[in-house]
Amino acid sequence: MDPTNSDVRLHVHRWGDGPPVVLVHGGILGGREAWRAQRPLTERWTLLAPDRPGHGGTPAAGRQDFEPEARLLADQLLDRPVHLVGLSYGGIVSMYAAALRPEHVRSLTIVEPPLFGIARGNPAVDWVSAATRALIEDPDLSPAAALARFFDVEGVPVALGEPVPRVLIDGMRRLQGARPPDEAAPPMELLRAADFPILVISGGHMESNEIICDAIAEQTGAERAVCAGMGHLVPDTGAPFNALLEKFFEQSGAA
């Protein structure tokens, strides 16, 4: 199935009241689970958390692929001015989507996107890039084994219990076979030239992520922040991350 097919509709979780904020999840957890720590923002903002294809209430549409998913996101949720926030693989999706609908992006926040290509040649980045591609493409790796390796490679500070929660197994199964993020090359010049402000956030836990986020900020003119404490699961820091978002939204002048 082509993810740009008009029959594919994103299931969107909606909470709160106020200016709209679109939250795009990463490769494992869907919209409801990935943004659970952002519920306090609902006092002032409308949170719209789509399930990317194959997650939650959105039907699968072939393999995960940031480019067609970006078109889907742009068509269905960037049809009006919004603050756009993307986590991990969803950060790459959000960068592409923002470039497609810049007139409807009030601000863009990118959280630890695995945009390996922007720093290709750096040993730390190249190692994580190769390890990520290997676990995505290994047909003999069970979802449980792949998940454990993913947590280790990407810096997820969560111990997997027994049995592994079904939502994590299902999410890993969707990530296996995805288009590897090292193939991503969002239009950085378009993002730099856009009228909306950009914030790039990392978790301060892994050298490769800091290098990638620094490079994105340099090439787009984005603001840069570090929100430490939960490794790659930066939104799970809760209050510190939410405070960063709110301050940035308000500074954008279009709250």
Protein backbone atom coordinates (compact mmCIF):
# COMPACT_ATOMS: atom_id res chain seq x y z
CA MET A 1 0.00 0.00 0.00
CA ASP A 2 1.21 3.49 -0.85
CA PRO A 3 1.24 5.63 2.34
CA THR A 4 0.17 8.62 0.24
CA ASN A 5 -3.04 6.81 -0.78
CA SER A 6 -6.07 8.93 0.17
CA ASP A 7 -7.62 5.85 1.79
CA VAL A 8 -4.92 5.88 4.48
CA ARG A 9 -6.11 8.06 7.33
CA LEU A 10 -3.95 8.81 10.32
CA HIS A 11 -5.58 8.01 13.64
CA VAL A 12 -5.01 11.07 15.80
CA HIS A 13 -5.10 11.19 19.61
CA ARG A 14 -6.36 14.59 20.78
CA TRP A 15 -6.03 16.08 24.24
CA GLY A 16 -6.54 19.54 25.70
CA ASP A 17 -7.59 22.93 24.46
CA GLY A 18 -5.62 25.79 22.96
CA PRO A 19 -3.28 26.36 20.01
CA PRO A 20 -2.57 23.07 18.20
CA VAL A 21 0.64 21.10 18.70
CA VAL A 22 1.31 18.07 16.47
CA LEU A 23 3.47 15.41 18.16
CA VAL A 24 5.05 12.83 15.84
CA HIS A 25 6.30 9.69 17.58
CA GLY A 26 9.38 7.60 16.83
CA GLY A 27 9.84 4.06 15.59
CA ILE A 28 8.52 1.94 18.47
CA LEU A 29 5.69 3.45 20.51
CA GLY A 30 2.58 4.99 18.98
CA GLY A 31 1.14 8.45 19.56
CA ARG A 32 -0.67 7.70 22.80
CA GLU A 33 2.26 6.01 24.55
CA ALA A 34 5.14 8.12 23.27
CA TRP A 35 3.75 11.42 24.58
CA ARG A 36 2.26 10.35 27.91
CA ALA A 37 4.51 12.74 29.85
CA GLN A 38 3.21 15.72 27.86
CA ARG A 39 -0.34 15.57 29.25
CA PRO A 40 0.24 18.60 31.57
CA LEU A 41 0.55 20.74 28.43
CA THR A 42 -3.15 20.14 27.74
CA GLU A 43 -4.05 22.95 30.13
CA ARG A 44 -2.88 25.45 27.51
CA TRP A 45 -2.44 23.56 24.25
CA THR A 46 -4.33 21.13 22.04
CA LEU A 47 -2.08 18.10 21.60
CA LEU A 48 -2.57 16.13 18.38
CA ALA A 49 -0.60 12.88 18.40
CA PRO A 50 -1.03 10.86 15.21
CA ASP A 51 -0.29 7.16 15.07
CA ARG A 52 2.16 6.72 12.21
CA PRO A 53 1.19 3.96 9.72
CA GLY A 54 1.26 0.54 11.35
CA HIS A 55 1.05 1.94 14.88
CA GLY A 56 -1.97 2.21 17.15
CA GLY A 57 -5.14 2.99 15.23
CA THR A 58 -3.52 3.71 11.84
CA PRO A 59 -3.35 0.78 9.42
CA ALA A 60 0.00 -0.31 8.04
CA ALA A 61 0.94 1.15 4.68
CA GLY A 62 3.93 -0.83 3.53
CA ARG A 63 7.21 -0.42 5.36
CA GLN A 64 7.99 2.60 7.50
CA ASP A 65 9.39 5.28 5.21
CA PHE A 66 9.96 8.89 6.24
CA GLU A 67 9.23 10.49 2.83
CA PRO A 68 5.73 9.15 2.03
CA GLU A 69 4.83 9.43 5.72
CA ALA A 70 5.83 13.10 5.61
CA ARG A 71 3.44 13.69 2.72
CA LEU A 72 0.69 11.96 4.67
CA LEU A 73 1.40 14.11 7.73
CA ALA A 74 1.56 17.32 5.69
CA ASP A 75 -1.70 16.60 3.89
CA GLN A 76 -3.71 15.61 6.96
CA LEU A 77 -2.32 17.61 9.88
CA LEU A 78 -0.44 20.58 8.43
CA ASP A 79 -3.59 21.94 6.82
CA ARG A 80 -3.59 24.82 9.34
CA PRO A 81 -0.94 26.56 11.46
CA VAL A 82 0.52 24.23 14.11
CA HIS A 83 3.58 23.79 16.28
CA LEU A 84 5.26 20.61 15.03
CA VAL A 85 7.33 18.31 17.27
CA GLY A 86 9.05 15.14 16.05
CA LEU A 87 10.85 12.47 18.07
CA SER A 88 13.55 10.15 16.68
CA TYR A 89 12.38 8.64 13.34
CA GLY A 90 9.37 10.93 13.66
CA GLY A 91 11.79 13.85 13.79
CA ILE A 92 12.95 12.99 10.29
CA VAL A 93 9.33 12.66 9.14
CA SER A 94 8.62 16.08 10.66
CA MET A 95 11.56 17.75 8.92
CA TYR A 96 10.34 16.55 5.53
CA ALA A 97 6.72 17.49 6.34
CA ALA A 98 7.67 20.99 7.49
CA ALA A 99 9.49 21.58 4.22
CA LEU A 100 6.33 20.55 2.34
CA ARG A 101 3.99 22.90 4.24
CA PRO A 102 6.18 25.70 5.66
CA GLU A 103 3.28 28.17 5.58
CA HIS A 104 1.43 26.13 8.22
CA VAL A 105 4.34 25.52 10.61
CA ARG A 106 4.46 27.93 13.53
CA SER A 107 7.56 26.24 14.95
CA LEU A 108 9.48 22.99 14.45
CA THR A 109 11.05 21.04 17.30
CA ILE A 110 13.22 18.03 16.49
CA VAL A 111 14.21 15.58 19.22
CA GLU A 112 17.21 13.28 18.64
CA PRO A 113 16.50 12.41 14.99
CA PRO A 114 18.74 9.62 13.64
CA LEU A 115 19.82 11.81 10.73
CA PHE A 116 23.11 9.97 10.34
CA GLY A 117 23.83 11.29 6.87
CA ILE A 118 24.33 14.84 8.09
CA ALA A 119 27.47 13.77 9.96
CA ARG A 120 28.61 10.87 7.80
CA GLY A 121 32.33 10.26 8.24
CA ASN A 122 32.33 10.84 11.97
CA PRO A 123 33.33 7.52 13.60
CA ALA A 124 30.82 7.72 16.44
CA VAL A 125 27.95 8.54 14.09
CA ASP A 126 28.96 5.94 11.51
CA TRP A 127 29.06 3.21 14.16
CA VAL A 128 25.51 3.92 15.38
CA SER A 129 24.32 4.28 11.79
CA ALA A 130 25.69 0.88 10.81
CA ALA A 131 24.39 -0.78 13.98
CA THR A 132 20.92 0.69 13.42
CA ARG A 133 20.78 -0.48 9.82
CA ALA A 134 21.97 -3.94 10.84
CA LEU A 135 19.24 -4.50 13.42
CA ILE A 136 16.54 -3.12 11.09
CA GLU A 137 17.59 -5.34 8.18
CA ASP A 138 18.48 -8.59 9.99
CA PRO A 139 15.73 -11.08 8.99
CA ASP A 140 16.86 -13.65 11.54
CA LEU A 141 16.56 -11.35 14.56
CA SER A 142 13.42 -11.87 16.63
CA PRO A 143 11.53 -8.70 17.64
CA ALA A 144 12.45 -9.25 21.29
CA ALA A 145 16.15 -9.61 20.49
CA ALA A 146 16.03 -6.66 18.10
CA LEU A 147 14.34 -4.54 20.75
CA ALA A 148 17.04 -5.29 23.31
CA ARG A 149 19.73 -4.41 20.78
CA PHE A 150 17.84 -1.26 19.77
CA PHE A 151 17.66 -0.07 23.39
CA ASP A 152 21.40 -0.60 23.74
CA VAL A 153 22.40 1.05 20.44
CA GLU A 154 20.10 4.06 20.73
CA GLY A 155 20.56 4.72 24.44
CA VAL A 156 17.17 3.81 25.90
CA PRO A 157 17.63 3.53 29.70
CA VAL A 158 14.80 1.09 30.32
CA ALA A 159 15.16 -2.51 31.47
CA LEU A 160 13.08 -4.94 29.46
CA GLY A 161 11.12 -7.16 31.80
CA GLU A 162 9.68 -10.59 31.16
CA PRO A 163 7.47 -10.89 29.34
CA VAL A 164 8.31 -7.94 27.11
CA PRO A 165 5.18 -5.75 26.78
CA ARG A 166 3.25 -6.50 23.62
CA VAL A 167 3.18 -2.83 22.57
CA LEU A 168 7.00 -2.85 22.42
CA ILE A 169 7.16 -6.12 20.48
CA ASP A 170 4.60 -4.84 17.98
CA GLY A 171 6.47 -1.56 17.61
CA MET A 172 9.78 -3.30 17.02
CA ARG A 173 8.16 -5.58 14.48
CA ARG A 174 7.06 -2.46 12.55
CA LEU A 175 10.56 -0.97 12.72
CA GLN A 176 12.15 -4.11 11.33
CA GLY A 177 12.28 -3.72 7.59
CA ALA A 178 11.81 0.07 7.75
CA ARG A 179 13.65 2.37 5.40
CA PRO A 180 16.97 2.94 7.21
CA PRO A 181 17.31 6.48 8.53
CA ASP A 182 20.83 6.78 7.11
CA GLU A 183 19.13 7.30 3.73
CA ALA A 184 17.38 10.47 4.91
CA ALA A 185 18.40 13.81 3.44
CA PRO A 186 15.80 16.46 4.32
CA PRO A 187 16.01 19.75 2.41
CA MET A 188 18.14 21.66 4.91
CA GLU A 189 18.34 24.81 2.78
CA LEU A 190 14.56 25.01 2.60
CA LEU A 191 14.30 24.58 6.37
CA ARG A 192 16.93 27.27 6.95
CA ALA A 193 15.11 29.68 4.64
CA ALA A 194 11.68 29.04 6.17
CA ASP A 195 9.99 31.68 8.31
CA PHE A 196 9.37 29.36 11.28
CA PRO A 197 11.88 28.92 14.13
CA ILE A 198 13.52 25.53 14.75
CA LEU A 199 14.66 23.95 18.00
CA VAL A 200 16.85 20.84 18.13
CA ILE A 201 16.88 18.91 21.43
CA SER A 202 19.16 16.07 22.50
CA GLY A 203 19.35 14.01 25.66
CA GLY A 204 23.01 14.61 26.52
CA HIS A 205 23.68 10.89 26.79
CA MET A 206 25.44 9.83 23.60
CA GLU A 207 28.16 11.46 21.51
CA SER A 208 26.62 10.59 18.15
CA ASN A 209 23.31 12.27 18.97
CA GLU A 210 25.03 15.44 20.13
CA ILE A 211 27.06 15.57 16.90
CA ILE A 212 23.96 15.07 14.75
CA CYS A 213 21.91 17.66 16.62
CA ASP A 214 24.74 20.18 16.50
CA ALA A 215 25.06 19.67 12.75
CA ILE A 216 21.31 20.12 12.19
CA ALA A 217 21.36 23.33 14.22
CA GLU A 218 24.34 24.65 12.29
CA GLN A 219 22.83 23.90 8.88
CA THR A 220 19.33 25.21 9.66
CA GLY A 221 20.15 28.06 12.02
CA ALA A 222 18.13 26.32 14.73
CA GLU A 223 18.27 26.90 18.46
CA ARG A 224 19.90 24.09 20.40
CA ALA A 225 19.03 22.57 23.79
CA VAL A 226 19.95 19.55 25.90
CA CYS A 227 17.39 17.89 28.15
CA ALA A 228 19.14 15.14 30.08
CA GLY A 229 17.90 12.39 32.36
CA MET A 230 16.11 9.79 30.22
CA GLY A 231 18.58 9.02 27.45
CA HIS A 232 16.92 8.80 24.04
CA LEU A 233 13.47 9.05 25.67
CA VAL A 234 13.83 12.81 26.04
CA PRO A 235 10.06 13.57 26.31
CA ASP A 236 9.89 11.20 29.29
CA THR A 237 11.81 13.74 31.37
CA GLY A 238 8.39 15.37 31.68
CA ALA A 239 8.46 18.83 33.24
CA PRO A 240 11.91 19.91 31.92
CA PHE A 241 11.05 18.93 28.35
CA ASN A 242 7.57 20.45 28.57
CA ALA A 243 9.05 23.71 29.83
CA LEU A 244 11.44 23.82 26.88
CA LEU A 245 8.54 23.30 24.48
CA GLU A 246 6.31 25.94 26.02
CA LYS A 247 9.05 28.53 26.14
CA PHE A 248 9.89 27.89 22.50
CA PHE A 249 6.25 27.97 21.40
CA GLU A 250 5.73 31.30 23.16
CA GLN A 251 8.92 32.77 21.71
CA SER A 252 7.75 31.88 18.22
CA GLY A 253 5.24 34.68 18.51
CA ALA A 254 2.40 32.58 17.20
CA ALA A 255 1.06 30.85 20.30
